[in-house]
Amino acid sequence: MSSPARRLAIVMSHAQRSMGGAMREAVLARALVAQGMEVRIFRLHGGEALEEETVLDGAVPVSFCPADNPDAIPHRQVSASLKAELRAFAPGMVLYKGLGYRVNADTQAALEPGTRCGFIVGGGVTDPLLGQASLVLGEYREQLRQHFMPLWRAGQALVLPKYVDMAEAGPGRPVPLADAACDIINVGNFGDDRKNQAALVPLAARHRVTLVGGGTRLGEFRRSVPGRLRAKITFAGRLPHAGVFAALRGARLMVHTSTMDGLPRATVEAMACGVPVIAYRSTIQGGIPHGGAGLLVAEAALPHAVEMVLADDELRLRMGANARRHVEKHHGVPAIEASAVEVLKLLG
């Protein structure tokens, strides 16, 4: 086993028996392994036993540790198994993916004194451990400056690009008006009020709207749509990833109405497909080039912004092409691998 300084643990704080939504962290881990680090990923799950596997053709080992309280909400779950596995691995540094999870402080307290910690931002921006963090990997520069200024000033806050499967995204050419399956697309679960899909319903009076996502409140939401608008709204439901990309490629514009988010992967995937994105500036302060690849607007200005882009197809096509170029430059596997070089410098 390598020295602790060369061992890094990445803890996926949100409990789930899958790595499907964690490819960014897996690619980062693989890139660090290629540079001589020993890296393991750990995650809680709802099963009864420790389960182990590897990802990315065996490059990265993953340990799924049983939660002590699997019936609790993910933010409250903890795991004695996770603490035991981490103590055995004895990393010099632990990166927690997700802030505001009880497992973060609970786990860190069980490790050897002097074990450093850091965070990979995934929405939330507060955590009891934040004062101890020596590294934060965020979603965009404005987020880091606003919420992690001390680390930003110290050069210990970096942007970690999103993972995007560019092959699945396709060529990234904005869909021509005549070929579009819908005018507006939104991707998000119907599980809580912050997704705010209700703000999209009035837009169906003039435009075809596709809503991608499932969730416990989907049926209730469908029933709430006024009868005169139901024919203009398509509920695609929960789709496999390839299906999400197919839906994105057929859309003219993504309208992201969430009132609480980081930089959702769906917005980056939309841009990869050549779809401009409109979102609330109060929710997303960066990561979507304003005026170039989309618009970040006040909530009251959203309807006007949507009408402006959809009424000017030349503008929409130009924004969509810019969006694709932005993702090619700033996201995807090569960008994550490049960021790993900078992360390694901070890890020492």
Protein backbone atom coordinates (compact mmCIF):
# COMPACT_ATOMS: atom_id res chain seq x y z
CA MET A 1 0.00 0.00 0.00
CA SER A 2 1.22 3.51 -0.80
CA SER A 3 1.92 6.17 1.84
CA PRO A 4 -1.14 7.99 3.23
CA ALA A 5 -0.15 11.16 1.34
CA ARG A 6 -0.66 9.25 -1.92
CA ARG A 7 -4.00 7.74 -0.90
CA LEU A 8 -7.25 9.54 -1.66
CA ALA A 9 -10.77 8.45 -0.75
CA ILE A 10 -13.78 9.86 -2.58
CA VAL A 11 -17.00 9.46 -0.59
CA MET A 12 -20.23 9.77 -2.57
CA SER A 13 -22.31 11.18 0.27
CA HIS A 14 -25.71 10.48 -1.32
CA ALA A 15 -26.63 6.84 -0.70
CA GLN A 16 -27.25 4.82 -3.87
CA ARG A 17 -26.28 1.35 -5.15
CA SER A 18 -25.04 2.65 -8.47
CA MET A 19 -22.21 4.62 -10.00
CA GLY A 20 -24.27 5.65 -13.02
CA GLY A 21 -24.54 9.25 -11.89
CA ALA A 22 -20.98 9.46 -10.62
CA MET A 23 -18.93 9.10 -13.79
CA ARG A 24 -17.29 12.49 -13.26
CA GLU A 25 -15.82 11.32 -9.96
CA ALA A 26 -14.81 7.98 -11.49
CA VAL A 27 -12.99 9.70 -14.37
CA LEU A 28 -11.25 12.03 -11.91
CA ALA A 29 -10.19 9.02 -9.83
CA ARG A 30 -8.86 7.20 -12.90
CA ALA A 31 -6.87 10.26 -13.95
CA LEU A 32 -5.34 10.58 -10.48
CA VAL A 33 -4.47 6.87 -10.46
CA ALA A 34 -2.68 7.38 -13.78
CA GLN A 35 -0.57 10.03 -12.04
CA GLY A 36 0.48 7.73 -9.23
CA MET A 37 -2.25 8.21 -6.64
CA GLU A 38 -4.05 5.33 -4.95
CA VAL A 39 -7.75 6.19 -5.12
CA ARG A 40 -10.86 4.38 -3.91
CA ILE A 41 -14.49 5.47 -4.11
CA PHE A 42 -16.90 4.73 -1.26
CA ARG A 43 -20.68 4.98 -1.23
CA LEU A 44 -23.52 4.11 1.13
CA HIS A 45 -26.28 1.81 -0.04
CA GLY A 46 -29.46 0.28 1.32
CA GLY A 47 -28.28 -3.33 1.33
CA GLU A 48 -27.13 -5.36 4.31
CA ALA A 49 -23.54 -6.14 3.35
CA LEU A 50 -20.40 -4.54 1.99
CA GLU A 51 -20.27 -4.90 -1.79
CA GLU A 52 -17.27 -4.16 -3.97
CA GLU A 53 -16.76 -3.64 -7.69
CA THR A 54 -14.58 -1.74 -10.11
CA VAL A 55 -15.53 0.83 -12.73
CA LEU A 56 -13.94 2.11 -15.93
CA ASP A 57 -12.58 -1.29 -16.96
CA GLY A 58 -11.14 -2.07 -13.55
CA ALA A 59 -9.29 1.22 -13.13
CA VAL A 60 -11.14 2.39 -10.01
CA PRO A 61 -12.29 0.24 -7.05
CA VAL A 62 -15.63 1.10 -5.44
CA SER A 63 -16.90 -0.03 -2.03
CA PHE A 64 -20.65 0.12 -1.37
CA CYS A 65 -21.10 0.22 2.41
CA PRO A 66 -24.42 -0.61 4.11
CA ALA A 67 -26.09 2.33 5.81
CA ASP A 68 -26.95 2.00 9.49
CA ASN A 69 -30.27 3.77 8.92
CA PRO A 70 -31.28 3.08 5.30
CA ASP A 71 -34.86 4.19 5.91
CA ALA A 72 -33.74 7.72 6.76
CA ILE A 73 -33.55 10.37 4.07
CA PRO A 74 -30.19 10.29 2.23
CA HIS A 75 -28.96 13.46 3.95
CA ARG A 76 -29.31 11.78 7.37
CA GLN A 77 -27.79 8.36 6.66
CA VAL A 78 -24.54 7.19 8.27
CA SER A 79 -22.54 3.97 8.13
CA ALA A 80 -20.30 2.15 10.60
CA SER A 81 -19.14 -0.01 7.70
CA LEU A 82 -18.00 3.07 5.79
CA LYS A 83 -15.99 4.29 8.77
CA ALA A 84 -14.34 0.89 9.19
CA GLU A 85 -13.46 0.65 5.49
CA LEU A 86 -12.00 4.15 5.46
CA ARG A 87 -9.94 3.51 8.58
CA ALA A 88 -8.54 0.39 6.93
CA PHE A 89 -7.72 2.31 3.75
CA ALA A 90 -6.15 5.11 5.83
CA PRO A 91 -6.26 7.91 3.25
CA GLY A 92 -4.36 11.13 3.67
CA MET A 93 -7.30 13.00 2.16
CA VAL A 94 -11.04 12.40 1.85
CA LEU A 95 -13.13 14.20 -0.76
CA TYR A 96 -16.83 14.22 0.08
CA LYS A 97 -19.14 14.58 -2.92
CA GLY A 98 -22.06 16.59 -1.62
CA LEU A 99 -22.30 19.13 1.19
CA GLY A 100 -24.84 19.07 4.00
CA TYR A 101 -24.87 15.29 4.49
CA ARG A 102 -24.63 13.93 8.03
CA VAL A 103 -22.28 11.18 6.83
CA ASN A 104 -19.55 13.74 6.12
CA ALA A 105 -18.86 14.95 9.66
CA ASP A 106 -19.79 11.58 11.18
CA THR A 107 -17.22 9.80 9.03
CA GLN A 108 -14.47 12.41 9.29
CA ALA A 109 -14.64 12.29 13.10
CA ALA A 110 -13.83 8.57 13.01
CA LEU A 111 -10.64 8.94 10.97
CA GLU A 112 -7.07 9.39 12.14
CA PRO A 113 -6.28 12.92 13.37
CA GLY A 114 -4.66 14.89 10.60
CA THR A 115 -6.67 13.28 7.82
CA ARG A 116 -7.46 16.15 5.46
CA CYS A 117 -10.87 16.67 3.90
CA GLY A 118 -12.37 18.47 0.95
CA PHE A 119 -15.57 18.64 -1.03
CA ILE A 120 -16.94 18.14 -4.50
CA VAL A 121 -19.90 20.49 -4.80
CA GLY A 122 -23.14 18.91 -5.95
CA GLY A 123 -25.84 21.46 -5.21
CA GLY A 124 -25.58 22.38 -1.52
CA VAL A 125 -22.90 24.84 -0.42
CA THR A 126 -22.88 24.53 3.40
CA ASP A 127 -21.48 21.81 5.65
CA PRO A 128 -20.24 21.63 9.26
CA LEU A 129 -16.86 20.42 7.96
CA LEU A 130 -16.35 23.29 5.56
CA GLY A 131 -14.08 25.18 7.95
CA GLN A 132 -11.69 22.22 7.95
CA ALA A 133 -11.67 21.77 4.17
CA SER A 134 -8.39 22.20 2.31
CA LEU A 135 -9.92 21.78 -1.16
CA VAL A 136 -13.25 22.45 -2.84
CA LEU A 137 -14.07 21.37 -6.39
CA GLY A 138 -17.04 23.39 -7.61
CA GLU A 139 -19.26 23.65 -10.64
CA TYR A 140 -18.38 27.12 -11.91
CA ARG A 141 -16.20 30.05 -10.92
CA GLU A 142 -18.99 32.35 -9.76
CA GLN A 143 -20.18 29.67 -7.33
CA LEU A 144 -16.70 29.28 -5.86
CA ARG A 145 -16.23 33.02 -5.44
CA GLN A 146 -19.65 33.49 -3.85
CA HIS A 147 -19.70 30.58 -1.41
CA PHE A 148 -16.08 29.53 -0.87
CA MET A 149 -14.17 32.80 -1.01
CA PRO A 150 -11.46 31.95 1.59
CA LEU A 151 -10.52 28.79 -0.31
CA TRP A 152 -10.82 30.61 -3.63
CA ARG A 153 -8.43 33.34 -2.49
CA ALA A 154 -6.01 30.70 -1.22
CA GLY A 155 -6.02 28.91 -4.57
CA GLN A 156 -7.69 25.87 -3.02
CA ALA A 157 -10.95 26.04 -4.97
CA LEU A 158 -11.13 24.69 -8.51
CA VAL A 159 -13.84 24.02 -11.08
CA LEU A 160 -14.40 20.31 -11.74
CA PRO A 161 -15.91 19.86 -15.24
CA LYS A 162 -19.03 17.78 -15.76
CA TYR A 163 -18.95 14.33 -17.31
CA VAL A 164 -20.73 14.33 -20.66
CA ASP A 165 -20.92 11.39 -23.05
CA MET A 166 -20.27 13.33 -26.25
CA ALA A 167 -20.92 10.26 -28.40
CA GLU A 168 -24.43 9.97 -26.96
CA ALA A 169 -24.95 13.70 -27.30
CA GLY A 170 -24.36 13.38 -31.03
CA PRO A 171 -23.00 16.00 -33.42
CA GLY A 172 -24.44 18.87 -31.40
CA ARG A 173 -26.10 20.69 -34.27
CA PRO A 174 -29.13 22.70 -33.13
CA VAL A 175 -32.32 21.12 -34.44
CA PRO A 176 -33.89 23.00 -37.39
CA LEU A 177 -37.29 24.50 -36.66
CA ALA A 178 -39.05 22.19 -39.11
CA ASP A 179 -37.56 19.08 -37.47
CA ALA A 180 -38.07 19.99 -33.82
CA ALA A 181 -40.12 17.59 -31.72
CA CYS A 182 -40.81 20.32 -29.17
CA ASP A 183 -40.12 23.98 -28.54
CA ILE A 184 -39.28 23.75 -24.84
CA ILE A 185 -37.79 20.89 -22.85
CA ASN A 186 -37.26 20.51 -19.12
CA VAL A 187 -35.47 17.63 -17.38
CA GLY A 188 -36.15 17.06 -13.70
CA ASN A 189 -37.93 14.80 -11.27
CA PHE A 190 -41.37 15.56 -9.90
CA GLY A 191 -40.40 14.99 -6.29
CA ASP A 192 -40.25 18.39 -4.63
CA ASP A 193 -41.37 21.95 -5.17
CA ARG A 194 -37.92 23.35 -5.99
CA LYS A 195 -37.99 21.85 -9.50
CA ASN A 196 -40.82 24.32 -10.16
CA GLN A 197 -42.17 22.76 -13.37
CA ALA A 198 -45.39 24.69 -12.74
CA ALA A 199 -43.66 27.76 -14.19
CA LEU A 200 -43.58 25.99 -17.56
CA VAL A 201 -47.32 25.36 -17.82
CA PRO A 202 -48.30 28.88 -19.01
CA LEU A 203 -45.70 28.62 -21.78
CA ALA A 204 -47.72 25.77 -23.29
CA ALA A 205 -50.31 28.29 -24.43
CA ARG A 206 -47.94 29.21 -27.27
CA HIS A 207 -45.36 26.42 -27.43
CA ARG A 208 -44.95 22.64 -27.36
CA VAL A 209 -43.47 21.61 -24.03
CA THR A 210 -41.81 18.28 -23.17
CA LEU A 211 -41.23 17.37 -19.53
CA VAL A 212 -38.72 14.58 -18.87
CA GLY A 213 -38.72 12.96 -15.44
CA GLY A 214 -40.67 10.78 -13.07
CA GLY A 215 -41.27 11.04 -9.35
CA THR A 216 -43.90 10.76 -6.68
CA ARG A 217 -45.73 13.94 -7.69
CA LEU A 218 -45.89 13.33 -11.43
CA GLY A 219 -49.50 12.16 -11.41
CA GLU A 220 -50.61 15.08 -9.27
CA PHE A 221 -48.82 17.52 -11.57
CA ARG A 222 -50.40 16.05 -14.70
CA ARG A 223 -53.86 16.42 -13.21
CA SER A 224 -53.15 20.05 -12.32
CA VAL A 225 -52.56 21.09 -15.95
CA PRO A 226 -55.59 22.99 -17.33
CA GLY A 227 -57.47 20.96 -19.91
CA ARG A 228 -56.92 23.49 -22.68
CA LEU A 229 -53.13 23.09 -22.35
CA ARG A 230 -52.82 19.33 -21.93
CA ALA A 231 -52.43 18.64 -25.64
CA LYS A 232 -49.40 20.95 -25.76
CA ILE A 233 -47.50 19.24 -22.91
CA THR A 234 -45.78 15.89 -23.40
CA PHE A 235 -44.91 13.94 -20.26
CA ALA A 236 -42.01 11.76 -21.33
CA GLY A 237 -41.58 10.22 -17.88
CA ARG A 238 -38.34 8.79 -16.58
CA LEU A 239 -36.09 7.91 -19.52
CA PRO A 240 -32.84 5.96 -19.87
CA HIS A 241 -29.87 8.19 -20.52
CA ALA A 242 -29.94 7.53 -24.26
CA GLY A 243 -33.61 8.53 -24.25
CA VAL A 244 -32.84 11.79 -22.48
CA PHE A 245 -30.24 12.66 -25.11
CA ALA A 246 -32.68 11.80 -27.89
CA ALA A 247 -35.29 14.10 -26.35
CA LEU A 248 -32.73 16.89 -25.97
CA ARG A 249 -31.62 16.64 -29.59
CA GLY A 250 -35.20 17.20 -30.70
CA ALA A 251 -35.76 20.31 -28.57
CA ARG A 252 -35.31 23.93 -29.60
CA LEU A 253 -34.73 25.32 -26.11
CA MET A 254 -34.22 24.07 -22.54
CA VAL A 255 -35.97 26.06 -19.84
CA HIS A 256 -34.63 25.14 -16.41
CA THR A 257 -37.05 26.45 -13.79
CA SER A 258 -35.52 25.01 -10.61
CA THR A 259 -35.30 27.46 -7.73
CA MET A 260 -32.46 25.65 -5.94
CA ASP A 261 -29.62 23.97 -7.81
CA GLY A 262 -25.94 23.95 -8.60
CA LEU A 263 -25.21 23.43 -12.28
CA PRO A 264 -27.32 20.37 -13.13
CA ARG A 265 -25.75 17.89 -15.51
CA ALA A 266 -28.92 18.03 -17.62
CA THR A 267 -28.21 21.67 -18.50
CA VAL A 268 -24.70 20.78 -19.67
CA GLU A 269 -26.02 17.79 -21.62
CA ALA A 270 -28.56 20.07 -23.30
CA MET A 271 -25.79 22.45 -24.36
CA ALA A 272 -23.79 19.46 -25.64
CA CYS A 273 -26.74 18.66 -27.90
CA GLY A 274 -26.76 22.20 -29.28
CA VAL A 275 -29.71 23.34 -27.16
CA PRO A 276 -29.47 26.79 -25.54
CA VAL A 277 -30.53 26.99 -21.90
CA ILE A 278 -32.57 29.59 -20.05
CA ALA A 279 -32.44 29.45 -16.25
CA TYR A 280 -33.00 31.67 -13.23
CA ARG A 281 -29.98 33.77 -12.33
CA SER A 282 -30.97 33.44 -8.68
CA THR A 283 -30.44 29.68 -9.03
CA ILE A 284 -27.49 29.42 -11.43
CA GLN A 285 -25.03 32.32 -11.46
CA GLY A 286 -22.62 30.89 -14.03
CA GLY A 287 -21.66 27.89 -16.10
CA ILE A 288 -24.10 28.89 -18.86
CA PRO A 289 -22.53 31.71 -20.90
CA HIS A 290 -25.17 34.45 -20.66
CA GLY A 291 -26.10 35.82 -24.05
CA GLY A 292 -23.87 33.28 -25.77
CA ALA A 293 -25.15 29.79 -24.97
CA GLY A 294 -28.34 30.80 -23.21
CA LEU A 295 -29.74 33.31 -20.78
CA LEU A 296 -29.66 33.66 -16.98
CA VAL A 297 -32.63 35.82 -16.04
CA ALA A 298 -34.77 37.04 -13.18
CA GLU A 299 -37.81 34.90 -12.47
CA ALA A 300 -40.17 37.61 -13.68
CA ALA A 301 -38.24 37.90 -16.94
CA LEU A 302 -38.39 34.20 -17.82
CA PRO A 303 -41.48 34.30 -20.09
CA HIS A 304 -40.11 37.25 -22.06
CA ALA A 305 -36.71 35.57 -22.46
CA VAL A 306 -38.34 32.38 -23.75
CA GLU A 307 -40.45 34.28 -26.27
CA MET A 308 -37.46 36.30 -27.45
CA VAL A 309 -35.30 33.24 -28.19
CA LEU A 310 -38.06 31.17 -29.77
CA ALA A 311 -39.19 34.08 -31.95
CA ASP A 312 -35.69 34.59 -33.37
CA ASP A 313 -34.57 31.27 -34.79
CA GLU A 314 -31.30 32.70 -36.06
CA LEU A 315 -30.49 33.72 -32.49
CA ARG A 316 -31.51 30.30 -31.18
CA LEU A 317 -29.35 28.45 -33.70
CA ARG A 318 -26.38 30.68 -32.95
CA MET A 319 -26.79 30.17 -29.20
CA GLY A 320 -27.10 26.42 -29.68
CA ALA A 321 -23.88 26.25 -31.69
CA ASN A 322 -22.11 28.33 -29.04
CA ALA A 323 -23.46 26.03 -26.34
CA ARG A 324 -21.96 22.98 -28.02
CA ARG A 325 -18.58 24.68 -28.40
CA HIS A 326 -18.66 25.69 -24.74
CA VAL A 327 -19.18 22.08 -23.62
CA GLU A 328 -16.49 20.78 -25.96
CA LYS A 329 -14.02 23.22 -24.42
CA HIS A 330 -14.97 23.07 -20.75
CA HIS A 331 -16.57 19.69 -20.02
CA GLY A 332 -16.23 16.00 -20.77
CA VAL A 333 -13.50 13.44 -20.14
CA PRO A 334 -10.52 15.46 -21.49
CA ALA A 335 -11.48 18.46 -19.34
CA ILE A 336 -11.84 16.30 -16.21
CA GLU A 337 -8.47 14.68 -16.89
CA ALA A 338 -6.88 18.10 -17.30
CA SER A 339 -8.38 19.27 -14.00
CA ALA A 340 -6.90 16.20 -12.28
CA VAL A 341 -3.43 17.65 -12.90
CA GLU A 342 -4.39 20.77 -10.93
CA VAL A 343 -6.07 18.71 -8.21
CA LEU A 344 -2.90 16.65 -7.79
CA LYS A 345 -0.87 19.82 -7.25
CA LEU A 346 -3.18 20.83 -4.40
CA LEU A 347 -3.10 17.36 -2.89
CA GLY A 348 0.66 17.76 -2.64
